[in-house]
Amino acid sequence: MRRLNIAHVTEYWFPTSVTLLPHRLRIRPLESHSLRIESSKLDITPAHSVRWYHDVLGNSVALVSFSELSNALRVLSEVVIVVYEDPPLDCMLENFAISCPFDYAIDEQPDLAPFRQSVYPADRAVLHKWLDELGLLVRPIETFSLLFQLNCGIANHFTYQIREEEGVQSPAQTLKRNSGSCRDFAALFIEACRYMGLASRFVSGYLHMADNEAGNATTHAWAEVYLPGPGWKGFDPTSGLITGNQHIPVAVARHPEAVPPVSGSFIGPLGQRPALSVSVRVSDLGLDGVNLPA
């Protein structure tokens, strides 16, 4: 069990004062059996009002409305969370799902249908060719073996790069360039899973590693696959690892471009583009003052 402090600052600077239209923030971690929020603080300038709500997938969203013109926007989110160790047997599959292909339970299929639907249908042919080259279209194949090979195949054979521009590469673009960001790798993993009939979704959040302590952390993205038995199980194709309590989810989505941390628009002179700065720090606070769950 650990206590972590997550400080996330997003700043925009405009050449002149603009009218900021409502913005949506998805920067509050998702609570679960293994994650609890101890405290949270949200500081925003300029003058504003905030309304919190949960979207259709249960993500916590802050809708921010502004009341004055400004040439800058600053959003500081500071959250203290408690994370617990994952239970050792949370990967046990139901017998019918040990090998692929398998059918999801009848009563779960309607809810899982959107997460089995392709977001990039034009890329199916190139996905088929790539998966065939990896040997992942052989049937039957052990489910976890398939997912491990796919996860490691992306991590080991593609070049990671930080992309400052908005948006997500299509799987075909990532395969052609043989490189991408964490969100591009997650999109490729998800689309490959859906091609093979597995329900999967995109996850945005934070990653706590030892080298994050110096303040060089970033937002992160990975994928989750719905597996009978463990439920939604996380895979990080950037590192090739199964996710654990070092991965801190903030939002989940069917489409990889649906849950940016900060989104919104403004009214200003034609052609005006703001400068952007993002800073994330994830720090270990130790265990002082934490009550163990009953």
Foldseek 3Di string as FASTA:
>chain_A
DFKKKKKKKKKWFWPDWWAFAKKKFLADFDDDPFKDWPDKDKDKDDDWDWDWDADPVRFIMIIIGHDDIDRMIMIIMITMMGGDFDDPPLPDFDPQQQWPDGDDDPVCCVVLVLLLDAPCVVCLVVLVVVCVVLVLVDPTDGPVVSLLSLLQVLQPFAAEDDDPDDDEDALVVCVVNSYYHQLNSQNNSSNSCSSRPWRKKKWKAWFDDPVLQVFPTDIHIWMWTQGHRSGTWTGRSNNSDTDTRRTTTRDIDSDSRPHDRMDGDIDDDPPIDIDMDMTMGMHTPGDPPDDDDD
